């Protein structure tokens, strides 16, 4: 399956890990998949709100010199 495997360029691997971590956090902690919006505007508003919350928690961690990926305990 991976006969022609080549190592991934390091900056790409780091960016991919960050993106996959963020998607995982949105799915697990913010339950982005389970929303009860009735219209498209409602789903967009809910997703924007959840992404904004994630961004604010990452910013709080950055200001407190903590790893920005650990948002679960950002306010402690």
Protein backbone atom coordinates (compact mmCIF):
# COMPACT_ATOMS: atom_id res chain seq x y z
CA UNK A 1 0.00 0.00 0.00
CA UNK A 2 2.88 2.38 0.71
CA UNK A 3 5.63 1.07 -1.55
CA UNK A 4 6.53 4.52 -2.89
CA UNK A 5 6.26 6.29 0.48
CA UNK A 6 8.37 9.40 0.94
CA UNK A 7 8.80 11.45 4.09
CA UNK A 8 6.47 14.43 4.30
CA UNK A 9 7.92 17.94 4.19
CA UNK A 10 8.14 18.99 7.88
CA UNK A 11 6.20 22.31 7.68
CA UNK A 12 3.37 20.54 5.83
CA UNK A 13 3.25 17.80 8.45
CA UNK A 14 3.08 20.36 11.26
CA UNK A 15 0.30 22.31 9.55
CA UNK A 16 -1.65 19.13 8.82
CA UNK A 17 -1.39 18.03 12.46
CA UNK A 18 -2.69 21.43 13.63
CA UNK A 19 -5.63 21.29 11.21
CA UNK A 20 -6.57 17.74 12.19
CA UNK A 21 -6.35 18.66 15.88
CA UNK A 22 -8.66 21.65 15.40
CA UNK A 23 -11.21 19.57 13.47
CA UNK A 24 -11.10 16.93 16.19
CA UNK A 25 -11.65 19.54 18.92
CA UNK A 26 -14.55 21.09 17.01
CA UNK A 27 -16.19 17.70 16.58
CA UNK A 28 -15.62 16.40 20.11
CA UNK A 29 -15.72 19.35 22.47
CA UNK A 30 -17.95 21.78 20.60
CA UNK A 31 -20.19 19.09 19.04
CA UNK A 32 -20.14 20.85 15.67
CA UNK A 33 -21.79 17.86 13.98
CA UNK A 34 -24.82 17.92 16.26
CA UNK A 35 -26.62 21.18 15.73
CA UNK A 36 -30.32 21.72 15.54
CA UNK A 37 -30.43 24.53 13.01
CA UNK A 38 -33.51 24.69 10.81
CA UNK A 39 -32.15 26.97 8.09
CA UNK A 40 -28.83 27.58 6.39
CA UNK A 41 -28.37 30.93 8.11
CA UNK A 42 -28.82 29.21 11.46
CA UNK A 43 -26.19 26.56 10.78
CA UNK A 44 -23.74 29.20 9.54
CA UNK A 45 -24.33 31.28 12.68
CA UNK A 46 -23.79 28.29 14.96
CA UNK A 47 -20.62 27.16 13.19
CA UNK A 48 -19.19 30.70 13.22
CA UNK A 49 -19.97 30.94 16.93
CA UNK A 50 -18.21 27.65 17.68
CA UNK A 51 -15.16 28.56 15.59
CA UNK A 52 -15.04 31.95 17.34
CA UNK A 53 -15.14 30.26 20.74
CA UNK A 54 -12.27 27.99 19.71
CA UNK A 55 -10.25 30.99 18.51
CA UNK A 56 -10.85 32.90 21.76
CA UNK A 57 -9.73 29.92 23.86
CA UNK A 58 -6.58 29.57 21.76
CA UNK A 59 -5.88 33.28 22.23
CA UNK A 60 -6.35 32.98 26.01
CA UNK A 61 -3.84 30.12 26.05
CA UNK A 62 -1.37 32.13 23.97
CA UNK A 63 -1.61 35.10 26.36
CA UNK A 64 -1.03 32.81 29.36
CA UNK A 65 2.00 31.12 27.72
CA UNK A 66 0.25 27.74 27.50
CA UNK A 67 0.07 25.45 24.46
CA UNK A 68 -2.69 26.80 22.23
CA UNK A 69 -3.92 23.33 21.34
CA UNK A 70 -5.03 22.51 24.88
CA UNK A 71 -8.28 24.44 24.89
CA UNK A 72 -10.11 22.13 27.27
CA UNK A 73 -8.40 23.71 30.28
CA UNK A 74 -7.89 27.23 28.93
CA UNK A 75 -9.94 28.99 31.60
CA UNK A 76 -8.51 27.14 34.58
